[in-house]
Amino acid sequence: MTHWLRSALLLPILLAAVAAAGAQEAAPTPPMGWNSWDAYGLTIDEADFKANATELAKLHAYGWTYAVIDEGWYMGNPFGDTLRHRDYAVNAHGLLVPSVKRFPSSAGGQGFMAIADWVHAQGLKFGIHIVRGIPRQAVEANLPIAGSSFHAQNAADTTDTCPWDDGDYGVRDNAAGQAYYDSMLALYAHWGVDFLKVDCIADHPYRISEIRQIAAAIKKTGRPIVLSLSPGPTRLSHAAEIRQYGQMWRISNDVWDGWTFAHERPNEDFPMGVRNIFDRLPRWAGQARDGRWPDADMLPFGVLAPHPGWGPPRHSRLTLDDERTQLTLLAIARSPLILGANLTRLDDATRALITNKEVIAVDQRSHDNHPLEHLPTGFEQVRAWTASGKAGERYLAVFNLDDKPVRLQATWQQLGLAAGKHTSRELWSGRRLQASDRLPIRLPAHGCVLYSVR
C-alpha cells in the first residue's frame, strides 16, 4: 500500500482518536511559554529545542507551559537566500513536515510525534508555527488532499501569497480548502500539537476565511489546540469576529528589544518597541476574558542568539527597567506571556523577573483590567492601569514613559481606587506602605511599580 493511500485511510481513525480528548476550553487563562523566534529565527533544530524546553520545564511551576517551534521547522536549508530555496519538506498530501536533517526523530514519517511526547513528559505543552496557506510545491505537483477526493490545485488560490513569505499560496474558501486544513489539523493533532501559531493572517492581510477554516478544522479534531493569530495590529473593528475563532490575536506588529524604533524607521510599524504597546493595549481593554486574549507579542528578554529573527545576535537592548515595565504592562492587561530569550543562557536578572509569582498571578487571575483615562496634572508622561483580584484586592500599575525619572504623588481616588486610606505592597520589591490616603510615586526612566492595594 502506498504511503499516501495508507495516510488517507488512517485519517478518519486519527480524527476519532483525538476527539476523545474533548473540546474543553483551550486557553482559560492567558497562555504562557517560550517561542524560538527571538533567539533562533528560522534555524531551531531538535537539539536546541530540547535544550530550551528542558530549561522551560524548570520554570513550569511559575506557569510557563508552552514550548513553541516558530517558523522554518520544515526547511532543510534555513539559510537559503530566498524562502523558495530553503528546501521545504512536504509529505505526499502537500502538508509541511519537519526537516529530517534538523529534526532526526521525525524520520520514518513520525513528524513531531516523538518530540511532542518528549515535551509532554516534561510536563509542558507543544506548539508549532505555520504561515497560512498551501505550499507552492504541493500545488505544482497537484498532490492529493488526505481524506478527500480533492487535490492541491482545487484548494489553492494562486493569486494570493503572503507579502513577506513566498513559500505558500492562499487557501480558497471552498470545500477543497476546508478539506486541506482538516487534513493538516488532523495530522498535527495526531502528533500531539497543543498550540498552533498561524502567521500572515490577522493583518497584512486579514484573512477571515482561512481563520474560520483553521478554527473549524481544530474543532473537528476534538483536541484543545490554542489558535494564535499573527501578526498585528489586528483592527479593533474585527474584535467580535476574531474572538469567535482564535484564543490569541496580535494587537501589534513584531515587538523587539527597544523602547522605541521611531528614530530608526520613521512612519513604519516594524519593529515596534515597548513604548508602542502603551498605545495599542488600551484599545483592547475589556477584551481579555473568556478564554480570548489580545496578544501584545513576545518578551524579547535576555540573550537573543545565535540567530534571532531580526537583527544581529545580541543580549537584549532593553534595560532591566524596560523589561520590568513590559512584563508589568502585559500582566495588568492580561496579555499572553511568551518568552523570546535563549533559555539555555538565561541570566539571573531575567530569571528573577519571570519567576515573580505575584506578578504572574495578576496576568493569570485578575479581572476588570483597564487603563485610567484621566490622571492628575503633572502625569503627562505617566500611564496607569488598574485591575481587581480576589477578596476585594485591587492592583495598580503606574508607568513612567519619560526618558528621565519622575517624582509625583496622588490620592488613591485620583488613581482609580476608592477614596480614603489604603495599605499597599509593591509586588516587585515587596515593599509595604502604611495606611495612607495618597501614594508617593518615584520612578526611574521607563520604570514602573505594581501595587496590591487593600
Protein backbone atom coordinates (compact mmCIF):
# COMPACT_ATOMS: atom_id res chain seq x y z
CA MET A 1 0.00 0.00 0.00
CA THR A 2 1.41 3.42 -0.91
CA HIS A 3 2.23 5.90 1.86
CA TRP A 4 -0.38 8.41 0.69
CA LEU A 5 -3.16 5.83 0.47
CA ARG A 6 -2.35 4.46 3.90
CA SER A 7 -2.48 8.02 5.31
CA ALA A 8 -5.83 8.67 3.65
CA LEU A 9 -7.31 5.51 5.17
CA LEU A 10 -5.95 6.46 8.60
CA LEU A 11 -7.38 10.00 8.59
CA PRO A 12 -10.86 9.08 9.97
CA ILE A 13 -9.17 6.96 12.65
CA LEU A 14 -6.94 9.86 13.65
CA LEU A 15 -9.92 12.20 13.87
CA ALA A 16 -11.83 9.77 16.07
CA ALA A 17 -8.87 9.11 18.33
CA VAL A 18 -8.08 12.74 19.08
CA ALA A 19 -11.77 13.58 19.51
CA ALA A 20 -11.68 11.60 22.75
CA ALA A 21 -9.75 14.50 24.29
CA GLY A 22 -12.99 16.52 24.26
CA ALA A 23 -13.46 20.11 23.21
CA GLN A 24 -12.66 21.81 26.51
CA GLU A 25 -11.57 25.44 26.54
CA ALA A 26 -8.06 25.62 25.11
CA ALA A 27 -6.83 28.72 26.96
CA PRO A 28 -8.86 29.52 30.10
CA THR A 29 -6.07 31.88 31.19
CA PRO A 30 -3.56 33.81 29.06
CA PRO A 31 -1.09 31.28 27.61
CA MET A 32 2.45 31.40 28.96
CA GLY A 33 5.51 29.84 27.38
CA TRP A 34 8.53 30.16 25.15
CA ASN A 35 8.89 30.66 21.39
CA SER A 36 12.07 30.07 19.38
CA TRP A 37 11.84 33.07 17.03
CA ASP A 38 13.57 35.80 19.03
CA ALA A 39 16.68 33.68 19.65
CA TYR A 40 16.78 31.24 16.71
CA GLY A 41 14.76 32.71 13.84
CA LEU A 42 14.33 30.06 11.15
CA THR A 43 17.16 27.89 12.44
CA ILE A 44 15.99 25.96 15.52
CA ASP A 45 16.85 22.26 15.45
CA GLU A 46 15.91 19.32 17.64
CA ALA A 47 18.88 19.53 19.99
CA ASP A 48 18.50 23.27 20.60
CA PHE A 49 14.75 22.97 21.02
CA LYS A 50 15.09 20.23 23.61
CA ALA A 51 17.77 22.20 25.44
CA ASN A 52 15.44 25.20 25.74
CA ALA A 53 12.41 23.08 26.63
CA THR A 54 14.46 21.45 29.40
CA GLU A 55 15.07 24.90 30.87
CA LEU A 56 11.41 25.87 30.38
CA ALA A 57 10.37 22.82 32.40
CA LYS A 58 12.30 24.30 35.34
CA LEU A 59 10.02 27.36 35.07
CA HIS A 60 6.79 25.40 34.78
CA ALA A 61 5.96 25.87 38.46
CA TYR A 62 5.62 29.60 37.68
CA GLY A 63 3.15 28.99 34.85
CA TRP A 64 5.45 28.81 31.81
CA THR A 65 3.91 25.94 29.85
CA TYR A 66 4.09 26.10 26.04
CA ALA A 67 7.29 25.25 24.15
CA VAL A 68 6.76 26.55 20.60
CA ILE A 69 8.88 25.97 17.50
CA ASP A 70 8.46 29.03 15.31
CA GLU A 71 8.83 29.38 11.55
CA GLY A 72 11.15 27.23 9.49
CA TRP A 73 10.98 23.73 11.04
CA TYR A 74 10.16 22.29 7.59
CA MET A 75 13.17 23.93 5.90
CA GLY A 76 16.14 21.73 5.09
CA ASN A 77 18.21 24.83 4.40
CA PRO A 78 17.02 27.72 6.59
CA PHE A 79 19.99 29.83 5.44
CA GLY A 80 18.86 29.79 1.79
CA ASP A 81 18.85 33.17 0.05
CA THR A 82 15.08 33.09 -0.56
CA LEU A 83 12.23 31.23 1.05
CA ARG A 84 11.69 29.19 -2.11
CA HIS A 85 15.29 27.98 -1.98
CA ARG A 86 15.13 26.68 1.57
CA ASP A 87 14.18 23.09 0.76
CA TYR A 88 10.70 22.70 2.18
CA ALA A 89 9.78 19.24 3.48
CA VAL A 90 6.28 18.34 2.27
CA ASN A 91 4.57 14.96 2.55
CA ALA A 92 2.61 13.11 -0.12
CA HIS A 93 -0.53 15.11 0.74
CA GLY A 94 1.03 18.55 0.48
CA LEU A 95 1.41 19.08 4.23
CA LEU A 96 4.51 20.57 5.79
CA VAL A 97 6.51 18.09 7.87
CA PRO A 98 9.69 18.55 9.91
CA SER A 99 13.01 18.52 8.08
CA VAL A 100 14.68 15.24 8.99
CA LYS A 101 18.04 16.99 8.63
CA ARG A 102 17.20 19.19 11.62
CA PHE A 103 14.71 17.00 13.50
CA PRO A 104 16.04 13.46 13.16
CA SER A 105 13.33 11.95 15.36
CA SER A 106 10.85 12.82 12.59
CA ALA A 107 12.33 10.17 10.30
CA GLY A 108 10.07 7.39 9.13
CA GLY A 109 7.01 9.59 8.84
CA GLN A 110 6.82 10.26 12.59
CA GLY A 111 6.60 14.03 12.19
CA PHE A 112 6.74 15.80 15.52
CA MET A 113 5.15 12.93 17.43
CA ALA A 114 8.32 11.87 19.26
CA ILE A 115 9.19 15.46 20.18
CA ALA A 116 5.64 16.19 21.35
CA ASP A 117 5.68 13.04 23.50
CA TRP A 118 9.01 14.15 24.99
CA VAL A 119 7.67 17.68 25.68
CA HIS A 120 4.58 16.26 27.36
CA ALA A 121 6.79 14.02 29.51
CA GLN A 122 8.47 17.20 30.82
CA GLY A 123 5.05 18.45 31.99
CA LEU A 124 4.88 21.02 29.16
CA LYS A 125 2.73 21.57 26.08
CA PHE A 126 3.98 21.59 22.50
CA GLY A 127 3.44 24.22 19.81
CA ILE A 128 4.41 24.95 16.21
CA HIS A 129 4.20 27.87 13.79
CA ILE A 130 2.91 27.87 10.23
CA VAL A 131 2.34 30.52 7.61
CA ARG A 132 -1.24 30.23 6.37
CA GLY A 133 -1.74 28.53 3.05
CA ILE A 134 -0.63 25.55 1.00
CA PRO A 135 2.98 25.05 -0.16
CA ARG A 136 3.70 26.04 -3.73
CA GLN A 137 5.37 22.72 -4.44
CA ALA A 138 2.23 20.86 -3.35
CA VAL A 139 0.24 22.90 -5.86
CA GLU A 140 2.79 22.50 -8.64
CA ALA A 141 2.68 18.71 -8.15
CA ASN A 142 -1.11 18.82 -7.57
CA LEU A 143 -0.82 16.43 -4.65
CA PRO A 144 -3.94 14.69 -3.30
CA ILE A 145 -5.53 16.06 -0.13
CA ALA A 146 -5.79 13.33 2.50
CA GLY A 147 -9.24 12.08 3.37
CA SER A 148 -10.90 13.69 0.35
CA SER A 149 -11.30 13.48 -3.42
CA PHE A 150 -9.64 16.88 -3.85
CA HIS A 151 -6.17 17.84 -4.98
CA ALA A 152 -3.97 20.79 -4.06
CA GLN A 153 -4.95 22.82 -7.12
CA ASN A 154 -8.60 22.63 -6.04
CA ALA A 155 -7.69 24.27 -2.73
CA ALA A 156 -5.03 26.82 -3.72
CA ASP A 157 -5.66 30.48 -4.50
CA THR A 158 -2.66 31.12 -6.74
CA THR A 159 -3.45 34.86 -6.88
CA ASP A 160 -2.75 35.15 -3.15
CA THR A 161 0.64 34.93 -1.47
CA CYS A 162 1.83 36.32 1.82
CA PRO A 163 3.60 39.67 1.17
CA TRP A 164 6.66 38.62 3.18
CA ASP A 165 6.70 34.84 2.63
CA ASP A 166 6.52 33.46 -0.91
CA GLY A 167 6.55 29.78 0.06
CA ASP A 168 2.75 29.26 0.11
CA TYR A 169 -0.35 30.10 -1.85
CA GLY A 170 -3.51 31.13 -0.05
CA VAL A 171 -6.31 28.62 0.52
CA ARG A 172 -9.65 29.06 -1.19
CA ASP A 173 -12.86 29.45 0.77
CA ASN A 174 -14.36 26.27 -0.65
CA ALA A 175 -14.80 22.59 0.23
CA ALA A 176 -11.34 21.71 -1.05
CA GLY A 177 -9.76 24.43 1.07
CA GLN A 178 -11.58 23.18 4.17
CA ALA A 179 -10.51 19.62 3.38
CA TYR A 180 -6.90 20.77 3.19
CA TYR A 181 -6.98 22.44 6.60
CA ASP A 182 -8.92 19.48 8.02
CA SER A 183 -6.14 17.14 6.88
CA MET A 184 -3.49 19.48 8.29
CA LEU A 185 -5.02 19.74 11.74
CA ALA A 186 -5.80 16.03 11.88
CA LEU A 187 -2.11 15.33 11.29
CA TYR A 188 -0.90 17.95 13.78
CA ALA A 189 -3.36 16.76 16.42
CA HIS A 190 -2.13 13.23 15.84
CA TRP A 191 1.41 14.43 16.50
CA GLY A 192 0.27 15.94 19.81
CA VAL A 193 0.32 19.65 18.98
CA ASP A 194 -1.24 21.84 21.69
CA PHE A 195 -0.58 25.30 20.24
CA LEU A 196 -0.71 26.50 16.63
CA LYS A 197 0.61 29.94 15.72
CA VAL A 198 -0.63 30.93 12.25
CA ASP A 199 1.12 33.83 10.56
CA CYS A 200 0.17 36.27 7.79
CA ILE A 201 -3.50 36.01 8.76
CA ALA A 202 -4.51 38.56 11.45
CA ASP A 203 -3.30 41.60 9.48
CA HIS A 204 -1.15 42.27 6.40
CA PRO A 205 -3.69 40.85 5.27
CA TYR A 206 -6.66 39.89 7.45
CA ARG A 207 -7.85 36.51 6.12
CA ILE A 208 -11.04 35.72 7.97
CA SER A 209 -11.98 32.87 5.61
CA GLU A 210 -8.80 30.97 6.48
CA ILE A 211 -9.17 31.80 10.17
CA ARG A 212 -12.63 30.21 10.06
CA GLN A 213 -11.34 27.18 8.18
CA ILE A 214 -8.48 26.56 10.61
CA ALA A 215 -10.72 27.03 13.66
CA ALA A 216 -13.26 24.60 12.19
CA ALA A 217 -10.50 22.09 11.47
CA ILE A 218 -9.23 22.35 15.06
CA LYS A 219 -12.73 21.79 16.39
CA LYS A 220 -13.10 18.64 14.31
CA THR A 221 -10.01 17.12 15.91
CA GLY A 222 -11.53 17.37 19.38
CA ARG A 223 -8.10 18.34 20.72
CA PRO A 224 -7.83 21.60 22.74
CA ILE A 225 -5.32 23.39 20.49
CA VAL A 226 -4.65 27.07 21.16
CA LEU A 227 -5.01 29.08 17.95
CA SER A 228 -2.65 32.07 17.94
CA LEU A 229 -3.18 34.54 15.07
CA SER A 230 -0.38 36.79 13.84
CA PRO A 231 0.89 39.41 13.06
CA GLY A 232 -0.82 42.64 14.03
CA PRO A 233 -2.04 45.14 14.51
CA THR A 234 -5.41 43.40 14.31
CA ARG A 235 -8.06 46.04 13.77
CA LEU A 236 -10.44 46.70 16.63
CA SER A 237 -13.31 46.50 14.14
CA HIS A 238 -12.51 42.78 13.81
CA ALA A 239 -12.65 42.13 17.57
CA ALA A 240 -16.07 40.47 17.77
CA GLU A 241 -15.34 38.31 14.75
CA ILE A 242 -11.83 37.19 15.63
CA ARG A 243 -12.86 36.33 19.20
CA GLN A 244 -15.12 33.63 17.80
CA TYR A 245 -12.20 31.72 16.33
CA GLY A 246 -8.82 32.45 17.94
CA GLN A 247 -7.63 32.21 21.53
CA MET A 248 -4.89 34.80 20.84
CA TRP A 249 -4.57 37.52 18.24
CA ARG A 250 -1.75 40.02 17.86
CA ILE A 251 -2.57 43.64 18.59
CA SER A 252 0.78 44.93 17.29
CA ASN A 253 3.40 44.19 14.70
CA ASP A 254 6.55 42.42 15.94
CA VAL A 255 7.86 43.88 19.21
CA TRP A 256 11.64 43.81 19.53
CA ASP A 257 14.18 44.92 22.11
CA GLY A 258 13.94 48.69 22.06
CA TRP A 259 11.94 51.34 23.89
CA THR A 260 11.09 52.83 20.50
CA PHE A 261 12.37 52.45 16.95
CA ALA A 262 10.75 55.58 15.53
CA HIS A 263 14.13 57.26 15.05
CA GLU A 264 15.38 54.28 13.01
CA ARG A 265 12.30 53.58 10.86
CA PRO A 266 10.03 56.65 10.75
CA ASN A 267 6.46 56.12 9.54
CA GLU A 268 6.75 52.32 9.79
CA ASP A 269 5.27 49.99 12.40
CA PHE A 270 8.03 47.37 12.20
CA PRO A 271 9.69 46.82 14.50
CA MET A 272 7.72 48.05 17.46
CA GLY A 273 9.22 48.88 20.84
CA VAL A 274 7.92 48.67 24.38
CA ARG A 275 6.68 52.26 24.22
CA ASN A 276 4.37 51.42 21.31
CA ILE A 277 2.48 48.80 23.32
CA PHE A 278 1.14 51.52 25.63
CA ASP A 279 -0.76 52.94 22.65
CA ARG A 280 -2.04 49.55 21.45
CA LEU A 281 -3.28 47.72 24.53
CA PRO A 282 -5.76 50.34 25.85
CA ARG A 283 -7.89 49.90 22.73
CA TRP A 284 -8.39 46.25 23.68
CA ALA A 285 -9.30 46.82 27.34
CA GLY A 286 -12.21 44.59 28.25
CA GLN A 287 -11.46 42.04 25.53
CA ALA A 288 -9.10 39.89 27.63
CA ARG A 289 -11.60 37.41 29.07
CA ASP A 290 -13.46 34.16 28.50
CA GLY A 291 -10.51 32.27 27.01
CA ARG A 292 -9.77 35.01 24.44
CA TRP A 293 -6.60 37.09 24.80
CA PRO A 294 -5.36 40.14 22.85
CA ASP A 295 -1.67 39.40 22.33
CA ALA A 296 0.98 42.11 22.79
CA ASP A 297 3.70 39.85 21.33
CA MET A 298 6.74 38.22 22.87
CA LEU A 299 9.11 39.29 25.61
CA PRO A 300 12.49 39.87 23.88
CA PHE A 301 14.48 39.48 27.09
CA GLY A 302 17.88 38.00 27.87
CA VAL A 303 20.14 36.61 25.15
CA LEU A 304 18.76 36.82 21.59
CA ALA A 305 21.18 34.45 19.89
CA PRO A 306 22.52 32.59 17.96
CA HIS A 307 20.26 33.58 15.03
CA PRO A 308 17.49 35.99 16.10
CA GLY A 309 14.58 36.55 13.77
CA TRP A 310 15.60 40.18 13.37
CA GLY A 311 18.98 41.86 13.77
CA PRO A 312 22.38 40.51 14.86
CA PRO A 313 22.97 38.10 17.76
CA ARG A 314 22.94 40.11 20.99
CA HIS A 315 21.90 40.47 24.56
CA SER A 316 18.55 42.27 24.67
CA ARG A 317 18.99 46.02 24.33
CA LEU A 318 16.19 46.58 26.85
CA THR A 319 17.28 47.85 30.25
CA LEU A 320 16.09 46.00 33.32
CA ASP A 321 13.56 48.80 33.89
CA ASP A 322 12.35 48.44 30.28
CA GLU A 323 11.87 44.71 30.78
CA ARG A 324 10.09 45.07 34.10
CA THR A 325 7.79 47.67 32.56
CA GLN A 326 6.95 45.47 29.56
CA LEU A 327 6.19 42.45 31.71
CA THR A 328 4.11 44.53 34.13
CA LEU A 329 2.07 46.09 31.33
CA LEU A 330 1.35 42.72 29.74
CA ALA A 331 0.41 41.27 33.12
CA ILE A 332 -2.00 44.06 34.12
CA ALA A 333 -3.59 43.90 30.64
CA ARG A 334 -3.77 40.06 30.75
CA SER A 335 -1.82 39.51 27.56
CA PRO A 336 -0.28 36.10 26.84
CA LEU A 337 3.29 35.91 28.15
CA ILE A 338 5.68 34.33 25.65
CA LEU A 339 9.42 34.41 26.34
CA GLY A 340 11.84 35.07 23.49
CA ALA A 341 15.12 34.53 25.35
CA ASN A 342 17.60 31.76 24.68
CA LEU A 343 16.72 29.89 27.86
CA THR A 344 20.00 27.99 27.87
CA ARG A 345 21.76 31.32 28.53
CA LEU A 346 19.27 32.85 30.96
CA ASP A 347 20.82 35.49 33.22
CA ASP A 348 19.90 35.93 36.88
CA ALA A 349 18.17 39.29 36.38
CA THR A 350 15.86 37.93 33.68
CA ARG A 351 15.19 34.79 35.72
CA ALA A 352 14.16 36.93 38.69
CA LEU A 353 11.69 38.86 36.52
CA ILE A 354 9.98 35.82 35.06
CA THR A 355 9.69 33.93 38.36
CA ASN A 356 7.77 36.56 40.32
CA LYS A 357 4.67 34.54 41.19
CA GLU A 358 2.64 37.52 42.36
CA VAL A 359 3.13 39.47 39.12
CA ILE A 360 2.30 36.36 37.10
CA ALA A 361 -0.86 35.92 39.20
CA VAL A 362 -2.04 39.37 38.07
CA ASP A 363 -1.80 38.17 34.47
CA GLN A 364 -3.45 34.84 35.16
CA ARG A 365 -6.17 35.63 37.70
CA SER A 366 -7.12 39.32 37.81
CA HIS A 367 -10.22 40.86 36.23
CA ASP A 368 -11.73 44.25 35.37
CA ASN A 369 -8.39 45.26 33.83
CA HIS A 370 -8.33 48.73 32.30
CA PRO A 371 -6.18 51.85 31.90
CA LEU A 372 -7.01 55.08 33.69
CA GLU A 373 -8.19 57.69 31.22
CA HIS A 374 -7.82 60.75 33.45
CA LEU A 375 -4.76 61.34 35.60
CA PRO A 376 -3.80 64.40 37.68
CA THR A 377 -1.90 67.39 36.31
CA GLY A 378 1.80 66.57 36.08
CA PHE A 379 1.20 62.98 34.98
CA GLU A 380 1.54 63.70 31.25
CA GLN A 381 4.32 61.10 30.82
CA VAL A 382 2.73 58.63 33.24
CA ARG A 383 0.31 55.82 32.44
CA ALA A 384 -1.68 53.78 34.95
CA TRP A 385 -3.75 50.59 34.83
CA THR A 386 -5.94 49.03 37.50
CA ALA A 387 -7.44 45.58 37.99
CA SER A 388 -9.29 43.59 40.62
CA GLY A 389 -8.13 40.50 42.47
CA LYS A 390 -9.76 38.17 44.93
CA ALA A 391 -11.46 39.20 48.18
CA GLY A 392 -11.51 42.92 47.46
CA GLU A 393 -7.84 43.18 46.47
CA ARG A 394 -7.04 45.82 43.86
CA TYR A 395 -3.99 46.13 41.65
CA LEU A 396 -2.48 49.41 40.50
CA ALA A 397 0.33 49.67 37.96
CA VAL A 398 1.99 53.04 37.34
CA PHE A 399 4.44 53.55 34.46
CA ASN A 400 6.89 56.32 33.62
CA LEU A 401 7.17 56.72 29.84
CA ASP A 402 9.65 59.58 30.12
CA ASP A 403 13.38 59.31 29.43
CA LYS A 404 14.09 60.85 32.83
CA PRO A 405 12.98 59.98 36.38
CA VAL A 406 9.70 61.29 37.78
CA ARG A 407 8.68 62.11 41.33
CA LEU A 408 4.96 62.64 41.92
CA GLN A 409 2.16 61.87 44.33
CA ALA A 410 -1.58 61.40 44.01
CA THR A 411 -4.52 60.32 46.12
CA TRP A 412 -5.81 56.80 45.66
CA GLN A 413 -9.02 58.25 44.26
CA GLN A 414 -7.04 60.10 41.59
CA LEU A 415 -5.53 56.72 40.69
CA GLY A 416 -8.83 54.98 40.18
CA LEU A 417 -9.36 53.48 43.62
CA ALA A 418 -11.82 54.27 46.41
CA ALA A 419 -11.14 57.43 48.42
CA GLY A 420 -9.68 57.07 51.87
CA LYS A 421 -6.73 55.32 53.45
CA HIS A 422 -5.31 52.10 51.99
CA THR A 423 -2.43 49.81 52.78
CA SER A 424 -0.38 48.57 49.86
CA ARG A 425 2.51 46.36 48.88
CA GLU A 426 4.68 46.72 45.79
CA LEU A 427 4.88 43.33 44.08
CA TRP A 428 8.33 43.68 42.55
CA SER A 429 10.22 44.88 45.60
CA GLY A 430 7.93 43.55 48.31
CA ARG A 431 7.99 46.99 49.97
CA ARG A 432 4.95 47.72 52.16
CA LEU A 433 3.37 51.14 52.64
CA GLN A 434 1.43 52.01 55.76
CA ALA A 435 -2.16 53.12 55.52
CA SER A 436 -2.42 56.48 53.78
CA ASP A 437 -4.83 58.39 51.59
CA ARG A 438 -2.21 59.00 48.91
CA LEU A 439 0.61 57.28 47.05
CA PRO A 440 4.10 58.75 46.62
CA ILE A 441 5.49 57.81 43.19
CA ARG A 442 9.20 57.75 42.39
CA LEU A 443 10.09 56.09 39.13
CA PRO A 444 13.28 55.86 37.07
CA ALA A 445 13.21 56.45 33.33
CA HIS A 446 10.90 53.82 31.75
CA GLY A 447 10.27 52.43 35.24
CA CYS A 448 7.13 51.13 36.90
CA VAL A 449 5.54 49.98 40.14
CA LEU A 450 2.83 47.38 40.65
CA TYR A 451 0.88 47.59 43.92
CA SER A 452 -1.52 45.26 45.63
CA VAL A 453 -3.89 47.62 47.47
CA ARG A 454 -6.40 46.95 50.23
